[in-house]
Protein backbone atom coordinates (compact mmCIF):
# COMPACT_ATOMS: atom_id res chain seq x y z
CA MET A 1 -55.57 -10.37 -66.50
CA THR A 2 -55.95 -6.62 -66.93
CA LYS A 3 -52.27 -6.27 -67.80
CA ILE A 4 -52.44 -9.20 -70.23
CA PHE A 5 -55.38 -7.72 -72.13
CA SER A 6 -53.80 -4.26 -72.02
CA ASP A 7 -50.56 -5.57 -73.57
CA TYR A 8 -52.57 -7.58 -76.08
CA PHE A 9 -54.56 -4.57 -77.32
CA ASN A 10 -51.44 -2.38 -77.32
CA ARG A 11 -49.68 -4.84 -79.63
CA ASN A 12 -52.60 -5.52 -81.98
CA GLY A 13 -54.83 -2.48 -81.65
CA TYR A 14 -58.48 -2.58 -80.63
CA GLY A 15 -59.88 -3.39 -84.06
CA LEU A 16 -57.62 -6.35 -84.84
CA GLY A 17 -57.56 -7.44 -81.19
CA ILE A 18 -61.35 -7.69 -80.94
CA PHE A 19 -61.53 -9.45 -84.33
CA LEU A 20 -59.01 -12.07 -83.20
CA LEU A 21 -60.81 -12.62 -79.89
CA VAL A 22 -64.17 -13.04 -81.64
CA THR A 23 -62.90 -15.41 -84.33
CA VAL A 24 -60.84 -17.54 -81.93
CA GLY A 25 -63.71 -17.57 -79.43
CA PHE A 26 -66.15 -18.63 -82.16
CA TRP A 27 -63.80 -21.40 -83.26
CA VAL A 28 -63.02 -22.73 -79.78
CA ILE A 29 -66.41 -22.32 -78.09
CA LEU A 30 -68.99 -22.91 -80.82
CA LEU A 31 -67.10 -25.39 -82.97
CA ILE A 32 -65.15 -27.37 -80.36
CA ILE A 33 -66.29 -26.98 -76.76
CA LEU A 34 -70.08 -26.90 -77.20
CA PRO A 35 -70.24 -29.89 -79.61
CA GLN A 36 -68.03 -31.91 -77.26
CA LEU A 37 -70.20 -31.00 -74.26
CA SER A 38 -73.29 -31.99 -76.24
CA MET A 39 -71.71 -35.33 -77.10
CA LEU A 40 -70.71 -35.81 -73.47
CA ASP A 41 -74.32 -35.23 -72.42
CA PHE A 42 -75.53 -37.65 -75.10
CA SER A 43 -73.16 -40.35 -73.82
CA PHE A 44 -74.94 -40.44 -70.46
CA ARG A 45 -78.45 -40.69 -71.92
CA HIS A 46 -80.61 -43.75 -72.55
CA HIS A 47 -81.16 -44.85 -76.12
CA LEU A 48 -84.79 -43.85 -76.56
CA PRO A 49 -87.09 -43.31 -79.53
CA PRO A 50 -87.52 -39.62 -80.46
CA PRO A 51 -91.00 -39.25 -78.89
CA GLU A 52 -89.65 -40.29 -75.48
CA MET A 53 -86.66 -37.93 -75.50
CA GLY A 54 -87.06 -35.28 -72.83
CA GLY A 55 -89.68 -37.38 -71.02
CA PRO A 56 -89.52 -39.17 -67.67
CA LYS A 57 -87.45 -42.03 -69.10
CA ASP A 58 -84.79 -39.64 -70.45
CA THR A 59 -82.46 -39.84 -67.45
CA TYR A 60 -78.72 -40.12 -67.02
CA THR A 61 -77.03 -43.52 -67.10
CA ILE A 62 -73.59 -45.10 -67.49
CA GLU A 63 -74.86 -48.15 -69.37
CA HIS A 64 -72.99 -47.25 -72.57
CA TYR A 65 -69.65 -47.01 -70.77
CA LYS A 66 -70.42 -50.29 -69.00
CA TYR A 67 -71.17 -51.84 -72.37
CA LEU A 68 -67.77 -50.80 -73.70
CA VAL A 69 -66.01 -52.44 -70.74
CA LEU A 70 -68.26 -55.37 -69.86
CA GLY A 71 -70.13 -56.04 -73.10
CA ALA A 72 -73.78 -56.91 -73.46
CA PRO A 73 -75.55 -58.28 -70.35
CA GLY A 74 -75.51 -62.07 -70.27
CA SER A 75 -72.51 -62.43 -72.60
CA ASP A 76 -70.12 -65.33 -72.11
CA SER A 77 -67.04 -63.13 -71.55
CA SER A 78 -66.47 -61.06 -68.42
CA TYR A 79 -65.54 -58.02 -70.52
CA ASN A 80 -66.10 -56.68 -74.03
CA VAL A 81 -63.37 -58.56 -75.87
CA VAL A 82 -64.14 -57.26 -79.35
CA ASP A 83 -64.54 -53.54 -78.71
CA LEU A 84 -61.71 -53.29 -76.17
CA GLY A 85 -59.44 -55.27 -78.47
CA VAL A 86 -60.20 -52.93 -81.37
CA PHE A 87 -59.69 -49.94 -79.08
CA GLY A 88 -56.26 -51.17 -77.99
CA ARG A 89 -55.20 -52.05 -81.55
CA THR A 90 -56.27 -48.61 -82.76
CA LEU A 91 -54.16 -46.83 -80.17
CA LEU A 92 -51.14 -49.06 -80.84
CA ALA A 93 -51.51 -48.55 -84.58
CA ALA A 94 -51.72 -44.77 -84.08
CA VAL A 95 -48.52 -44.91 -82.00
CA PHE A 96 -46.83 -46.97 -84.73
CA VAL A 97 -47.88 -44.51 -87.46
CA THR A 98 -46.63 -41.60 -85.32
CA ILE A 99 -43.23 -43.24 -84.76
CA LEU A 100 -43.01 -44.14 -88.46
CA ASP A 101 -43.67 -40.56 -89.51
CA LEU A 102 -41.21 -39.25 -86.93
CA VAL A 103 -38.43 -41.53 -88.18
CA LEU A 104 -39.12 -40.62 -91.81
CA CYS A 105 -39.65 -36.90 -91.32
CA TYR A 106 -36.91 -35.94 -88.86
CA PRO A 107 -34.01 -36.29 -91.35
CA LEU A 108 -35.98 -34.44 -94.01
CA ALA A 109 -37.00 -31.67 -91.60
CA TYR A 110 -33.38 -31.35 -90.46
CA TYR A 111 -32.13 -31.10 -94.03
CA LEU A 112 -34.76 -28.54 -95.00
CA GLY A 113 -34.17 -26.49 -91.85
CA GLN A 114 -30.38 -26.44 -92.03
CA SER A 115 -29.91 -26.42 -95.79
CA LYS A 116 -28.26 -23.32 -97.26
CA GLY A 117 -29.73 -23.83 -100.74
CA GLY A 118 -32.82 -21.65 -100.47
CA GLY A 119 -34.14 -22.21 -103.99
CA PHE A 120 -33.70 -25.98 -103.96
CA THR A 121 -35.22 -26.19 -100.48
CA ARG A 122 -38.31 -24.30 -101.60
CA VAL A 123 -38.68 -26.71 -104.53
CA LEU A 124 -38.54 -29.67 -102.12
CA VAL A 125 -41.19 -28.11 -99.89
CA LEU A 126 -43.37 -27.45 -102.93
CA LEU A 127 -42.99 -31.06 -104.06
CA LEU A 128 -44.18 -32.16 -100.62
CA ILE A 129 -47.26 -29.95 -100.79
CA ILE A 130 -48.42 -30.58 -104.37
CA PRO A 131 -49.73 -34.16 -103.77
CA TYR A 132 -52.03 -32.76 -101.07
CA TRP A 133 -53.95 -30.83 -103.70
CA ILE A 134 -55.68 -34.17 -104.32
CA ASN A 135 -58.58 -35.17 -102.07
CA GLU A 136 -57.71 -37.47 -99.16
CA ILE A 137 -60.19 -40.15 -100.27
CA LEU A 138 -58.74 -40.19 -103.79
CA ARG A 139 -55.27 -40.57 -102.34
CA ALA A 140 -56.50 -43.49 -100.22
CA PHE A 141 -57.95 -45.22 -103.30
CA ALA A 142 -54.65 -44.57 -105.11
CA PHE A 143 -52.83 -46.37 -102.30
CA ARG A 144 -55.26 -49.26 -102.61
CA ILE A 145 -54.41 -49.48 -106.31
CA ILE A 146 -50.69 -49.30 -105.61
CA PHE A 147 -50.74 -51.97 -102.90
CA GLY A 148 -53.41 -54.22 -104.44
CA GLU A 149 -52.68 -57.79 -105.52
CA SER A 150 -52.59 -56.60 -109.12
CA GLY A 151 -51.18 -53.21 -108.18
CA VAL A 152 -47.99 -51.44 -109.14
CA ILE A 153 -45.78 -52.89 -106.39
CA ASN A 154 -46.83 -56.51 -106.93
CA GLU A 155 -46.56 -56.19 -110.71
CA MET A 156 -43.03 -54.76 -110.46
CA MET A 157 -41.90 -57.42 -107.99
CA LEU A 158 -43.34 -60.16 -110.20
CA ALA A 159 -41.68 -58.65 -113.28
CA PHE A 160 -38.26 -58.61 -111.59
CA GLY A 161 -38.74 -62.13 -110.26
CA LEU A 162 -38.58 -61.08 -106.62
CA ILE A 163 -41.77 -62.98 -105.76
CA SER A 164 -43.66 -65.85 -107.36
CA ASP A 165 -47.14 -64.91 -106.08
CA PRO A 166 -48.69 -61.52 -105.32
CA ILE A 167 -48.50 -60.32 -101.72
CA ASP A 168 -51.75 -59.27 -100.07
CA PHE A 169 -50.61 -55.91 -98.67
CA ILE A 170 -54.22 -55.01 -97.84
CA ARG A 171 -54.76 -57.98 -95.54
CA ALA A 172 -51.34 -57.44 -93.95
CA ASN A 173 -52.28 -53.81 -93.16
CA VAL A 174 -49.20 -52.54 -95.00
CA ALA A 175 -51.38 -50.36 -97.22
CA LEU A 176 -53.25 -49.00 -94.20
CA TYR A 177 -50.12 -47.95 -92.30
CA ALA A 178 -48.53 -46.52 -95.43
CA GLY A 179 -51.68 -44.57 -96.26
CA LEU A 180 -52.05 -43.18 -92.75
CA GLY A 181 -48.38 -42.28 -92.55
CA TYR A 182 -48.56 -40.49 -95.89
CA ALA A 183 -51.82 -38.71 -95.06
CA TYR A 184 -50.34 -36.84 -92.09
CA ILE A 185 -46.68 -36.63 -93.03
CA LEU A 186 -46.74 -32.86 -93.58
CA LEU A 187 -48.13 -32.34 -90.08
CA MET A 188 -44.97 -33.99 -88.80
CA ILE A 189 -42.48 -32.28 -91.09
CA PHE A 190 -43.46 -28.62 -90.83
CA PRO A 191 -43.52 -28.22 -87.02
CA MET A 192 -40.02 -29.72 -86.81
CA TYR A 193 -38.86 -27.77 -89.85
CA ASN A 194 -40.05 -24.46 -88.37
CA VAL A 195 -38.12 -25.11 -85.14
CA ILE A 196 -34.94 -26.54 -86.67
CA GLU A 197 -34.77 -23.66 -89.15
CA SER A 198 -34.24 -21.23 -86.25
CA LEU A 199 -31.42 -23.31 -84.73
CA ASP A 200 -28.08 -21.48 -84.82
CA ARG A 201 -25.79 -23.41 -87.17
CA ASN A 202 -22.79 -22.25 -85.15
CA GLN A 203 -23.78 -24.63 -82.36
CA ILE A 204 -23.61 -27.56 -84.74
CA GLU A 205 -20.32 -26.39 -86.22
CA ALA A 206 -18.84 -25.93 -82.76
CA ALA A 207 -19.85 -29.46 -81.78
CA ARG A 208 -18.26 -30.82 -84.96
CA ASP A 209 -15.05 -28.88 -84.31
CA MET A 210 -14.90 -30.45 -80.85
CA GLY A 211 -15.08 -33.92 -82.38
CA ALA A 212 -18.68 -34.82 -81.50
CA PRO A 213 -20.10 -37.61 -83.72
CA TRP A 214 -23.25 -36.91 -85.71
CA TRP A 215 -25.50 -38.91 -83.40
CA ARG A 216 -24.32 -36.96 -80.35
CA ILE A 217 -24.90 -33.67 -82.15
CA HIS A 218 -28.51 -34.63 -82.78
CA TRP A 219 -29.01 -36.13 -79.32
CA ARG A 220 -27.53 -33.24 -77.35
CA ILE A 221 -28.22 -30.21 -79.56
CA VAL A 222 -30.78 -30.65 -82.33
CA ILE A 223 -33.38 -32.89 -80.67
CA PRO A 224 -33.58 -30.91 -77.38
CA TYR A 225 -33.97 -27.70 -79.38
CA ALA A 226 -36.54 -29.21 -81.74
CA LYS A 227 -38.48 -30.93 -78.95
CA PRO A 228 -41.51 -28.56 -79.14
CA GLY A 229 -41.81 -29.16 -82.88
CA ILE A 230 -41.40 -32.91 -82.45
CA VAL A 231 -44.10 -33.03 -79.77
CA SER A 232 -46.42 -30.83 -81.84
CA GLY A 233 -46.03 -33.05 -84.90
CA CYS A 234 -46.41 -36.27 -82.92
CA THR A 235 -49.52 -34.93 -81.21
CA MET A 236 -51.26 -34.06 -84.46
CA VAL A 237 -50.30 -37.29 -86.21
CA PHE A 238 -51.31 -39.45 -83.23
CA MET A 239 -54.66 -37.75 -82.68
CA LEU A 240 -55.58 -37.79 -86.37
CA SER A 241 -54.42 -41.39 -86.86
CA ALA A 242 -56.42 -42.60 -83.87
CA GLY A 243 -59.49 -40.74 -85.16
CA ALA A 244 -59.10 -41.65 -88.83
CA LEU A 245 -62.08 -43.14 -90.63
CA ALA A 246 -61.70 -42.90 -94.42
CA ALA A 247 -58.28 -44.58 -94.63
CA PRO A 248 -59.18 -47.60 -92.44
CA GLN A 249 -62.39 -48.16 -94.39
CA ILE A 250 -60.64 -47.99 -97.77
CA LEU A 251 -57.22 -49.49 -97.01
CA GLY A 252 -57.99 -51.76 -94.07
CA GLY A 253 -58.13 -55.52 -94.40
CA PRO A 254 -60.82 -57.85 -93.04
CA SER A 255 -59.18 -58.01 -89.59
CA SER A 256 -58.17 -54.34 -89.30
CA LEU A 257 -61.31 -52.87 -87.78
CA TRP A 258 -60.66 -49.35 -86.46
CA PHE A 259 -62.34 -48.02 -83.32
CA THR A 260 -63.71 -45.06 -85.27
CA GLN A 261 -65.49 -47.53 -87.54
CA ILE A 262 -67.30 -48.93 -84.51
CA ILE A 263 -68.27 -45.40 -83.52
CA TYR A 264 -69.49 -44.75 -87.05
CA GLN A 265 -71.55 -47.92 -86.98
CA TRP A 266 -73.27 -46.96 -83.72
CA PHE A 267 -74.06 -43.47 -85.00
CA ASN A 268 -75.19 -44.29 -88.53
CA GLN A 269 -76.01 -47.97 -88.89
CA GLY A 270 -77.14 -48.80 -85.36
CA GLY A 271 -78.80 -45.43 -84.81
CA ASN A 272 -77.63 -45.50 -81.19
CA TRP A 273 -76.22 -42.00 -80.78
CA PRO A 274 -75.70 -42.20 -76.99
CA ARG A 275 -73.54 -45.33 -77.35
CA GLY A 276 -71.60 -43.85 -80.24
CA ALA A 277 -71.08 -40.67 -78.22
CA ALA A 278 -69.82 -42.69 -75.24
CA PHE A 279 -67.32 -44.55 -77.40
CA ALA A 280 -66.18 -41.27 -78.99
CA ILE A 281 -65.70 -39.63 -75.59
CA VAL A 282 -63.63 -42.58 -74.37
CA LEU A 283 -61.40 -42.35 -77.45
CA LEU A 284 -61.01 -38.59 -77.07
CA VAL A 285 -60.23 -38.66 -73.34
CA THR A 286 -57.76 -41.53 -73.74
CA CYS A 287 -55.89 -39.82 -76.58
CA VAL A 288 -55.72 -36.52 -74.68
CA PHE A 289 -54.47 -38.35 -71.57
CA ILE A 290 -51.74 -40.10 -73.57
CA VAL A 291 -50.63 -36.83 -75.19
CA LEU A 292 -50.53 -34.91 -71.89
CA SER A 293 -48.68 -37.77 -70.18
CA LEU A 294 -46.02 -37.82 -72.88
CA MET A 295 -45.69 -34.04 -72.72
CA ARG A 296 -45.13 -34.30 -68.99
CA LEU A 297 -42.68 -37.18 -69.46
CA PHE A 298 -40.58 -35.24 -71.98
CA LYS A 299 -41.00 -31.97 -70.05
CA VAL A 300 -42.69 -30.02 -72.82
CA LYS A 301 -45.16 -27.30 -71.90
CA MET A 302 -48.19 -26.25 -73.90
CA GLY A 303 -46.70 -22.79 -74.30
CA ASP A 304 -43.60 -24.27 -75.96
CA ILE A 305 -45.77 -25.88 -78.63
CA GLY A 306 -47.64 -22.61 -79.16
CA LYS A 307 -44.40 -20.84 -79.99
């Protein structure tokens, strides 16, 4: 540890080094770790009125976690069908959005990273960034207008005679998946773009000269090299999709309840902060477990992503 800190201060100097340590420590400890520990403590507390908090009844319990799994005491089902079903659908939808963004963004990231036209590439990157000057909620409402029954897509399809009746994209969750995929698309593109940009083009040219088809070039050269960027992008898109709230509330149909909406209801409408905290902790731990498992499966280390 002494050598690590010595090298760190030698590279950055004492002034900048201390500033970086303080700012990163403030960000990680005060804004991430302590709030999560507080929520973890809340999740094991009884739901009590404010005057009884800190009193003899304010003890630790696992009733909120039992509620998530088993449901309310005396219910007809042996487990919490509604909440667990929403939890599973949320994770599957987040996986789907992540795969969708990966499929859409990989070709674009490869083109941007390996393109020789610097000026045109910068214009493309700028065109990707400009729409994000608009607030996320406004973009979500714009998607609702586009995919509504009287929206742009339905009106165009009706005008060209492709359909006879409007399609309910909201109820079919098409608008929700499109909105989520669009909301986090830059978080998928730029990590892959940053990695692919540093790939030596001579490796690709050598593979082409040896007769390798395009799919083998990507499978054996580009994808293994870009794996840290792919994992970084997938991690951010998956975590943010699973924890999204605004897009599901605005673009979701009647049957597309998101697990974060249940958490929101317990916190704000039900006023049961311990139960909401327990549900939030379960979502967080499950998402982190999935991400770490996939990193282990694809043999990607945390240090590789940090690079």
